[in-house]
Amino acid sequence: AVLGVAHWGAGLSGLPLAVLVVAAALPSGSNALIFAQ
C-alpha cells in the first residue's frame, strides 16, 4: 500500500521511496504487545 501511494500516487522514487517501503515492511513492534497487556 505504501509503495502504491508513494510511487504511483505521490511520484516518489529512489532513496525516499525505498526508505518508506522498507519501513512499512518492518515486523510488528513490541508496542503491540504492550497494548495487548
PDB file of all heavy atoms in Angstrom:
ATOM      1  N   ALA A   1       0.831  -1.207   0.000  1.00  0.00           N
ATOM      2  CA  ALA A   1       0.000   0.000   0.000  1.00  0.00           C
ATOM      3  C   ALA A   1       0.866   1.257   0.000  1.00  0.00           C
ATOM      4  O   ALA A   1       0.582   2.224  -0.722  1.00  0.00           O
ATOM      5  CB  ALA A   1      -0.933  -0.014   1.216  1.00  0.00           C
ATOM      6  N   VAL A   2       1.927   1.257   0.802  1.00  0.00           N
ATOM      7  CA  VAL A   2       2.829   2.408   0.850  1.00  0.00           C
ATOM      8  C   VAL A   2       3.516   2.593  -0.494  1.00  0.00           C
ATOM      9  O   VAL A   2       3.650   3.731  -0.992  1.00  0.00           O
ATOM     10  CB  VAL A   2       3.864   2.244   1.982  1.00  0.00           C
ATOM     11  CG1 VAL A   2       4.950   3.316   1.884  1.00  0.00           C
ATOM     12  CG2 VAL A   2       3.178   2.314   3.345  1.00  0.00           C
ATOM     13  N   LEU A   3       3.937   1.507  -1.107  1.00  0.00           N
ATOM     14  CA  LEU A   3       4.573   1.581  -2.424  1.00  0.00           C
ATOM     15  C   LEU A   3       3.617   2.188  -3.448  1.00  0.00           C
ATOM     16  O   LEU A   3       4.010   3.068  -4.230  1.00  0.00           O
ATOM     17  CB  LEU A   3       5.006   0.185  -2.869  1.00  0.00           C
ATOM     18  CG  LEU A   3       5.583   0.077  -4.291  1.00  0.00           C
ATOM     19  CD1 LEU A   3       6.851   0.921  -4.418  1.00  0.00           C
ATOM     20  CD2 LEU A   3       5.878  -1.380  -4.641  1.00  0.00           C
ATOM     21  N   GLY A   4       2.380   1.725  -3.446  1.00  0.00           N
ATOM     22  CA  GLY A   4       1.416   2.236  -4.413  1.00  0.00           C
ATOM     23  C   GLY A   4       1.152   3.722  -4.244  1.00  0.00           C
ATOM     24  O   GLY A   4       1.160   4.494  -5.221  1.00  0.00           O
ATOM     25  N   VAL A   5       0.933   4.152  -3.011  1.00  0.00           N
ATOM     26  CA  VAL A   5       0.634   5.563  -2.753  1.00  0.00           C
ATOM     27  C   VAL A   5       1.862   6.433  -3.006  1.00  0.00           C
ATOM     28  O   VAL A   5       1.774   7.498  -3.641  1.00  0.00           O
ATOM     29  CB  VAL A   5       0.122   5.749  -1.311  1.00  0.00           C
ATOM     30  CG1 VAL A   5       0.020   7.235  -0.966  1.00  0.00           C
ATOM     31  CG2 VAL A   5      -1.229   5.077  -1.130  1.00  0.00           C
ATOM     32  N   ALA A   6       3.009   5.995  -2.508  1.00  0.00           N
ATOM     33  CA  ALA A   6       4.213   6.811  -2.609  1.00  0.00           C
ATOM     34  C   ALA A   6       4.736   6.904  -4.044  1.00  0.00           C
ATOM     35  O   ALA A   6       5.136   7.990  -4.497  1.00  0.00           O
ATOM     36  CB  ALA A   6       5.304   6.246  -1.693  1.00  0.00           C
ATOM     37  N   HIS A   7       4.734   5.788  -4.762  1.00  0.00           N
ATOM     38  CA  HIS A   7       5.337   5.767  -6.102  1.00  0.00           C
ATOM     39  C   HIS A   7       4.364   6.242  -7.170  1.00  0.00           C
ATOM     40  O   HIS A   7       4.641   7.189  -7.905  1.00  0.00           O
ATOM     41  CB  HIS A   7       5.834   4.365  -6.420  1.00  0.00           C
ATOM     42  CG  HIS A   7       6.562   4.267  -7.735  1.00  0.00           C
ATOM     43  ND1 HIS A   7       7.672   5.032  -8.029  1.00  0.00           N
ATOM     44  CD2 HIS A   7       6.316   3.516  -8.845  1.00  0.00           C
ATOM     45  CE1 HIS A   7       8.096   4.745  -9.248  1.00  0.00           C
ATOM     46  NE2 HIS A   7       7.287   3.832  -9.769  1.00  0.00           N
ATOM     47  N   TRP A   8       3.209   5.585  -7.251  1.00  0.00           N
ATOM     48  CA  TRP A   8       2.265   5.922  -8.313  1.00  0.00           C
ATOM     49  C   TRP A   8       1.321   7.054  -7.925  1.00  0.00           C
ATOM     50  O   TRP A   8       0.734   7.689  -8.797  1.00  0.00           O
ATOM     51  CB  TRP A   8       1.470   4.679  -8.702  1.00  0.00           C
ATOM     52  CG  TRP A   8       2.322   3.698  -9.440  1.00  0.00           C
ATOM     53  CD1 TRP A   8       2.722   3.770 -10.738  1.00  0.00           C
ATOM     54  CD2 TRP A   8       2.903   2.499  -8.921  1.00  0.00           C
ATOM     55  NE1 TRP A   8       3.518   2.690 -11.062  1.00  0.00           N
ATOM     56  CE2 TRP A   8       3.640   1.891  -9.971  1.00  0.00           C
ATOM     57  CE3 TRP A   8       2.866   1.861  -7.680  1.00  0.00           C
ATOM     58  CZ2 TRP A   8       4.330   0.688  -9.807  1.00  0.00           C
ATOM     59  CZ3 TRP A   8       3.552   0.677  -7.517  1.00  0.00           C
ATOM     60  CH2 TRP A   8       4.273   0.099  -8.566  1.00  0.00           C
ATOM     61  N   GLY A   9       1.185   7.315  -6.635  1.00  0.00           N
ATOM     62  CA  GLY A   9       0.333   8.417  -6.205  1.00  0.00           C
ATOM     63  C   GLY A   9       1.089   9.719  -6.046  1.00  0.00           C
ATOM     64  O   GLY A   9       0.727  10.746  -6.626  1.00  0.00           O
ATOM     65  N   ALA A  10       2.170   9.681  -5.257  1.00  0.00           N
ATOM     66  CA  ALA A  10       2.935  10.905  -4.978  1.00  0.00           C
ATOM     67  C   ALA A  10       4.130  11.082  -5.900  1.00  0.00           C
ATOM     68  O   ALA A  10       4.795  12.117  -5.855  1.00  0.00           O
ATOM     69  CB  ALA A  10       3.406  10.896  -3.526  1.00  0.00           C
ATOM     70  N   GLY A  11       4.444  10.078  -6.706  1.00  0.00           N
ATOM     71  CA  GLY A  11       5.546  10.195  -7.655  1.00  0.00           C
ATOM     72  C   GLY A  11       6.929  10.080  -7.051  1.00  0.00           C
ATOM     73  O   GLY A  11       7.909  10.510  -7.660  1.00  0.00           O
ATOM     74  N   LEU A  12       7.034   9.488  -5.865  1.00  0.00           N
ATOM     75  CA  LEU A  12       8.336   9.327  -5.232  1.00  0.00           C
ATOM     76  C   LEU A  12       9.120   8.206  -5.905  1.00  0.00           C
ATOM     77  O   LEU A  12       8.554   7.232  -6.409  1.00  0.00           O
ATOM     78  CB  LEU A  12       8.180   9.023  -3.741  1.00  0.00           C
ATOM     79  CG  LEU A  12       7.591  10.127  -2.859  1.00  0.00           C
ATOM     80  CD1 LEU A  12       7.503   9.646  -1.423  1.00  0.00           C
ATOM     81  CD2 LEU A  12       8.420  11.399  -2.947  1.00  0.00           C
ATOM     82  N   SER A  13      10.429   8.330  -5.863  1.00  0.00           N
ATOM     83  CA  SER A  13      11.306   7.291  -6.411  1.00  0.00           C
ATOM     84  C   SER A  13      12.646   7.366  -5.696  1.00  0.00           C
ATOM     85  O   SER A  13      12.871   8.243  -4.858  1.00  0.00           O
ATOM     86  CB  SER A  13      11.501   7.485  -7.921  1.00  0.00           C
ATOM     87  OG  SER A  13      12.097   8.748  -8.188  1.00  0.00           O
ATOM     88  N   GLY A  14      13.525   6.446  -6.025  1.00  0.00           N
ATOM     89  CA  GLY A  14      14.868   6.478  -5.463  1.00  0.00           C
ATOM     90  C   GLY A  14      14.897   6.255  -3.962  1.00  0.00           C
ATOM     91  O   GLY A  14      14.116   5.478  -3.403  1.00  0.00           O
ATOM     92  N   LEU A  15      15.771   7.002  -3.299  1.00  0.00           N
ATOM     93  CA  LEU A  15      16.009   6.809  -1.868  1.00  0.00           C
ATOM     94  C   LEU A  15      14.764   7.034  -0.999  1.00  0.00           C
ATOM     95  O   LEU A  15      14.448   6.181  -0.158  1.00  0.00           O
ATOM     96  CB  LEU A  15      17.152   7.719  -1.409  1.00  0.00           C
ATOM     97  CG  LEU A  15      17.531   7.601   0.075  1.00  0.00           C
ATOM     98  CD1 LEU A  15      18.123   6.228   0.373  1.00  0.00           C
ATOM     99  CD2 LEU A  15      18.532   8.696   0.454  1.00  0.00           C
ATOM    100  N   PRO A  16      14.032   8.140  -1.159  1.00  0.00           N
ATOM    101  CA  PRO A  16      12.853   8.329  -0.301  1.00  0.00           C
ATOM    102  C   PRO A  16      11.844   7.188  -0.411  1.00  0.00           C
ATOM    103  O   PRO A  16      11.304   6.727   0.605  1.00  0.00           O
ATOM    104  CB  PRO A  16      12.261   9.652  -0.793  1.00  0.00           C
ATOM    105  CG  PRO A  16      13.405  10.365  -1.420  1.00  0.00           C
ATOM    106  CD  PRO A  16      14.246   9.292  -2.044  1.00  0.00           C
ATOM    107  N   LEU A  17      11.599   6.729  -1.627  1.00  0.00           N
ATOM    108  CA  LEU A  17      10.655   5.628  -1.828  1.00  0.00           C
ATOM    109  C   LEU A  17      11.149   4.363  -1.152  1.00  0.00           C
ATOM    110  O   LEU A  17      10.388   3.664  -0.469  1.00  0.00           O
ATOM    111  CB  LEU A  17      10.456   5.371  -3.326  1.00  0.00           C
ATOM    112  CG  LEU A  17       9.543   4.191  -3.674  1.00  0.00           C
ATOM    113  CD1 LEU A  17       8.117   4.455  -3.218  1.00  0.00           C
ATOM    114  CD2 LEU A  17       9.596   3.911  -5.180  1.00  0.00           C
ATOM    115  N   ALA A  18      12.425   4.048  -1.322  1.00  0.00           N
ATOM    116  CA  ALA A  18      12.981   2.831  -0.741  1.00  0.00           C
ATOM    117  C   ALA A  18      12.888   2.859   0.780  1.00  0.00           C
ATOM    118  O   ALA A  18      12.526   1.862   1.413  1.00  0.00           O
ATOM    119  CB  ALA A  18      14.440   2.669  -1.172  1.00  0.00           C
ATOM    120  N   VAL A  19      13.187   4.003   1.391  1.00  0.00           N
ATOM    121  CA  VAL A  19      13.123   4.106   2.856  1.00  0.00           C
ATOM    122  C   VAL A  19      11.695   3.893   3.343  1.00  0.00           C
ATOM    123  O   VAL A  19      11.463   3.176   4.328  1.00  0.00           O
ATOM    124  CB  VAL A  19      13.657   5.477   3.323  1.00  0.00           C
ATOM    125  CG1 VAL A  19      13.461   5.640   4.828  1.00  0.00           C
ATOM    126  CG2 VAL A  19      15.135   5.614   2.981  1.00  0.00           C
ATOM    127  N   LEU A  20      10.718   4.494   2.657  1.00  0.00           N
ATOM    128  CA  LEU A  20       9.325   4.357   3.072  1.00  0.00           C
ATOM    129  C   LEU A  20       8.852   2.912   2.979  1.00  0.00           C
ATOM    130  O   LEU A  20       8.193   2.397   3.897  1.00  0.00           O
ATOM    131  CB  LEU A  20       8.424   5.242   2.206  1.00  0.00           C
ATOM    132  CG  LEU A  20       8.581   6.755   2.306  1.00  0.00           C
ATOM    133  CD1 LEU A  20       7.456   7.445   1.545  1.00  0.00           C
ATOM    134  CD2 LEU A  20       8.585   7.225   3.746  1.00  0.00           C
ATOM    135  N   VAL A  21       9.171   2.249   1.890  1.00  0.00           N
ATOM    136  CA  VAL A  21       8.692   0.874   1.684  1.00  0.00           C
ATOM    137  C   VAL A  21       9.346  -0.082   2.678  1.00  0.00           C
ATOM    138  O   VAL A  21       8.676  -0.944   3.268  1.00  0.00           O
ATOM    139  CB  VAL A  21       8.957   0.419   0.234  1.00  0.00           C
ATOM    140  CG1 VAL A  21       8.624  -1.068   0.062  1.00  0.00           C
ATOM    141  CG2 VAL A  21       8.131   1.254  -0.740  1.00  0.00           C
ATOM    142  N   VAL A  22      10.639   0.051   2.877  1.00  0.00           N
ATOM    143  CA  VAL A  22      11.319  -0.822   3.838  1.00  0.00           C
ATOM    144  C   VAL A  22      10.800  -0.569   5.255  1.00  0.00           C
ATOM    145  O   VAL A  22      10.604  -1.510   6.034  1.00  0.00           O
ATOM    146  CB  VAL A  22      12.847  -0.624   3.766  1.00  0.00           C
ATOM    147  CG1 VAL A  22      13.548  -1.368   4.903  1.00  0.00           C
ATOM    148  CG2 VAL A  22      13.382  -1.123   2.414  1.00  0.00           C
ATOM    149  N   ALA A  23      10.554   0.684   5.585  1.00  0.00           N
ATOM    150  CA  ALA A  23       9.988   0.996   6.902  1.00  0.00           C
ATOM    151  C   ALA A  23       8.609   0.370   7.062  1.00  0.00           C
ATOM    152  O   ALA A  23       8.260  -0.139   8.135  1.00  0.00           O
ATOM    153  CB  ALA A  23       9.901   2.512   7.094  1.00  0.00           C
ATOM    154  N   ALA A  24       7.814   0.386   6.000  1.00  0.00           N
ATOM    155  CA  ALA A  24       6.482  -0.210   6.057  1.00  0.00           C
ATOM    156  C   ALA A  24       6.546  -1.731   6.181  1.00  0.00           C
ATOM    157  O   ALA A  24       5.631  -2.353   6.726  1.00  0.00           O
ATOM    158  CB  ALA A  24       5.690   0.167   4.804  1.00  0.00           C
ATOM    159  N   ALA A  25       7.626  -2.337   5.683  1.00  0.00           N
ATOM    160  CA  ALA A  25       7.769  -3.791   5.711  1.00  0.00           C
ATOM    161  C   ALA A  25       8.389  -4.309   7.003  1.00  0.00           C
ATOM    162  O   ALA A  25       8.547  -5.530   7.164  1.00  0.00           O
ATOM    163  CB  ALA A  25       8.627  -4.253   4.527  1.00  0.00           C
ATOM    164  N   LEU A  26       8.730  -3.420   7.920  1.00  0.00           N
ATOM    165  CA  LEU A  26       9.320  -3.860   9.185  1.00  0.00           C
ATOM    166  C   LEU A  26       8.341  -4.722   9.973  1.00  0.00           C
ATOM    167  O   LEU A  26       7.123  -4.540   9.876  1.00  0.00           O
ATOM    168  CB  LEU A  26       9.723  -2.645  10.026  1.00  0.00           C
ATOM    169  CG  LEU A  26      10.912  -1.829   9.504  1.00  0.00           C
ATOM    170  CD1 LEU A  26      11.010  -0.502  10.253  1.00  0.00           C
ATOM    171  CD2 LEU A  26      12.204  -2.618   9.634  1.00  0.00           C
ATOM    172  N   PRO A  27       8.840  -5.665  10.759  1.00  0.00           N
ATOM    173  CA  PRO A  27       7.946  -6.534  11.543  1.00  0.00           C
ATOM    174  C   PRO A  27       7.192  -5.764  12.611  1.00  0.00           C
ATOM    175  O   PRO A  27       7.532  -4.619  12.932  1.00  0.00           O
ATOM    176  CB  PRO A  27       8.911  -7.553  12.160  1.00  0.00           C
ATOM    177  CG  PRO A  27      10.228  -6.848  12.211  1.00  0.00           C
ATOM    178  CD  PRO A  27      10.262  -5.990  10.985  1.00  0.00           C
ATOM    179  N   SER A  28       6.174  -6.391  13.163  1.00  0.00           N
ATOM    180  CA  SER A  28       5.366  -5.759  14.210  1.00  0.00           C
ATOM    181  C   SER A  28       6.246  -5.371  15.396  1.00  0.00           C
ATOM    182  O   SER A  28       7.119  -6.127  15.810  1.00  0.00           O
ATOM    183  CB  SER A  28       4.262  -6.707  14.674  1.00  0.00           C
ATOM    184  OG  SER A  28       3.368  -6.975  13.621  1.00  0.00           O
ATOM    185  N   GLY A  29       5.989  -4.199  15.937  1.00  0.00           N
ATOM    186  CA  GLY A  29       6.773  -3.709  17.057  1.00  0.00           C
ATOM    187  C   GLY A  29       6.229  -4.176  18.393  1.00  0.00           C
ATOM    188  O   GLY A  29       5.072  -4.609  18.508  1.00  0.00           O
ATOM    189  N   SER A  30       7.062  -4.058  19.411  1.00  0.00           N
ATOM    190  CA  SER A  30       6.680  -4.533  20.735  1.00  0.00           C
ATOM    191  C   SER A  30       5.564  -3.697  21.363  1.00  0.00           C
ATOM    192  O   SER A  30       4.936  -4.117  22.331  1.00  0.00           O
ATOM    193  CB  SER A  30       7.904  -4.523  21.665  1.00  0.00           C
ATOM    194  OG  SER A  30       8.515  -3.240  21.697  1.00  0.00           O
ATOM    195  N   ASN A  31       5.287  -2.520  20.808  1.00  0.00           N
ATOM    196  CA  ASN A  31       4.186  -1.723  21.322  1.00  0.00           C
ATOM    197  C   ASN A  31       2.849  -2.442  21.171  1.00  0.00           C
ATOM    198  O   ASN A  31       1.908  -2.165  21.924  1.00  0.00           O
ATOM    199  CB  ASN A  31       4.123  -0.372  20.601  1.00  0.00           C
ATOM    200  CG  ASN A  31       5.186   0.590  21.091  1.00  0.00           C
ATOM    201  OD1 ASN A  31       5.279   0.872  22.265  1.00  0.00           O
ATOM    202  ND2 ASN A  31       6.015   1.067  20.184  1.00  0.00           N
ATOM    203  N   ALA A  32       2.763  -3.341  20.194  1.00  0.00           N
ATOM    204  CA  ALA A  32       1.537  -4.118  20.037  1.00  0.00           C
ATOM    205  C   ALA A  32       1.292  -4.979  21.275  1.00  0.00           C
ATOM    206  O   ALA A  32       0.159  -5.079  21.770  1.00  0.00           O
ATOM    207  CB  ALA A  32       1.624  -4.988  18.789  1.00  0.00           C
ATOM    208  N   LEU A  33       2.343  -5.597  21.777  1.00  0.00           N
ATOM    209  CA  LEU A  33       2.210  -6.428  22.973  1.00  0.00           C
ATOM    210  C   LEU A  33       1.907  -5.563  24.194  1.00  0.00           C
ATOM    211  O   LEU A  33       1.110  -5.949  25.063  1.00  0.00           O
ATOM    212  CB  LEU A  33       3.480  -7.241  23.209  1.00  0.00           C
ATOM    213  CG  LEU A  33       3.496  -8.105  24.472  1.00  0.00           C
ATOM    214  CD1 LEU A  33       2.321  -9.072  24.499  1.00  0.00           C
ATOM    215  CD2 LEU A  33       4.812  -8.873  24.580  1.00  0.00           C
ATOM    216  N   ILE A  34       2.528  -4.402  24.266  1.00  0.00           N
ATOM    217  CA  ILE A  34       2.253  -3.511  25.389  1.00  0.00           C
ATOM    218  C   ILE A  34       0.783  -3.102  25.382  1.00  0.00           C
ATOM    219  O   ILE A  34       0.132  -3.023  26.426  1.00  0.00           O
ATOM    220  CB  ILE A  34       3.171  -2.272  25.329  1.00  0.00           C
ATOM    221  CG1 ILE A  34       4.629  -2.683  25.578  1.00  0.00           C
ATOM    222  CG2 ILE A  34       2.753  -1.233  26.348  1.00  0.00           C
ATOM    223  CD1 ILE A  34       5.610  -1.540  25.502  1.00  0.00           C
ATOM    224  N   PHE A  35       0.235  -2.854  24.190  1.00  0.00           N
ATOM    225  CA  PHE A  35      -1.183  -2.528  24.086  1.00  0.00           C
ATOM    226  C   PHE A  35      -2.038  -3.704  24.539  1.00  0.00           C
ATOM    227  O   PHE A  35      -3.024  -3.531  25.270  1.00  0.00           O
ATOM    228  CB  PHE A  35      -1.529  -2.169  22.637  1.00  0.00           C
ATOM    229  CG  PHE A  35      -1.911  -0.727  22.457  1.00  0.00           C
ATOM    230  CD1 PHE A  35      -0.946   0.259  22.472  1.00  0.00           C
ATOM    231  CD2 PHE A  35      -3.235  -0.360  22.297  1.00  0.00           C
ATOM    232  CE1 PHE A  35      -1.286   1.593  22.321  1.00  0.00           C
ATOM    233  CE2 PHE A  35      -3.584   0.971  22.142  1.00  0.00           C
ATOM    234  CZ  PHE A  35      -2.618   1.945  22.152  1.00  0.00           C
ATOM    235  N   ALA A  36      -1.679  -4.902  24.078  1.00  0.00           N
ATOM    236  CA  ALA A  36      -2.433  -6.088  24.480  1.00  0.00           C
ATOM    237  C   ALA A  36      -2.383  -6.288  25.988  1.00  0.00           C
ATOM    238  O   ALA A  36      -3.387  -6.635  26.620  1.00  0.00           O
ATOM    239  CB  ALA A  36      -1.884  -7.319  23.756  1.00  0.00           C
ATOM    240  N   GLN A  37      -1.211  -6.066  26.572  1.00  0.00           N
ATOM    241  CA  GLN A  37      -1.060  -6.188  28.016  1.00  0.00           C
ATOM    242  C   GLN A  37      -1.860  -5.114  28.743  1.00  0.00           C
ATOM    243  O   GLN A  37      -2.473  -5.367  29.783  1.00  0.00           O
ATOM    244  CB  GLN A  37       0.420  -6.080  28.402  1.00  0.00           C
ATOM    245  CG  GLN A  37       1.280  -7.246  27.978  1.00  0.00           C
ATOM    246  CD  GLN A  37       1.192  -8.400  28.950  1.00  0.00           C
ATOM    247  OE1 GLN A  37       0.403  -8.389  29.877  1.00  0.00           O
ATOM    248  NE2 GLN A  37       2.007  -9.415  28.742  1.00  0.00           N
TER     249      GLN A  37
END
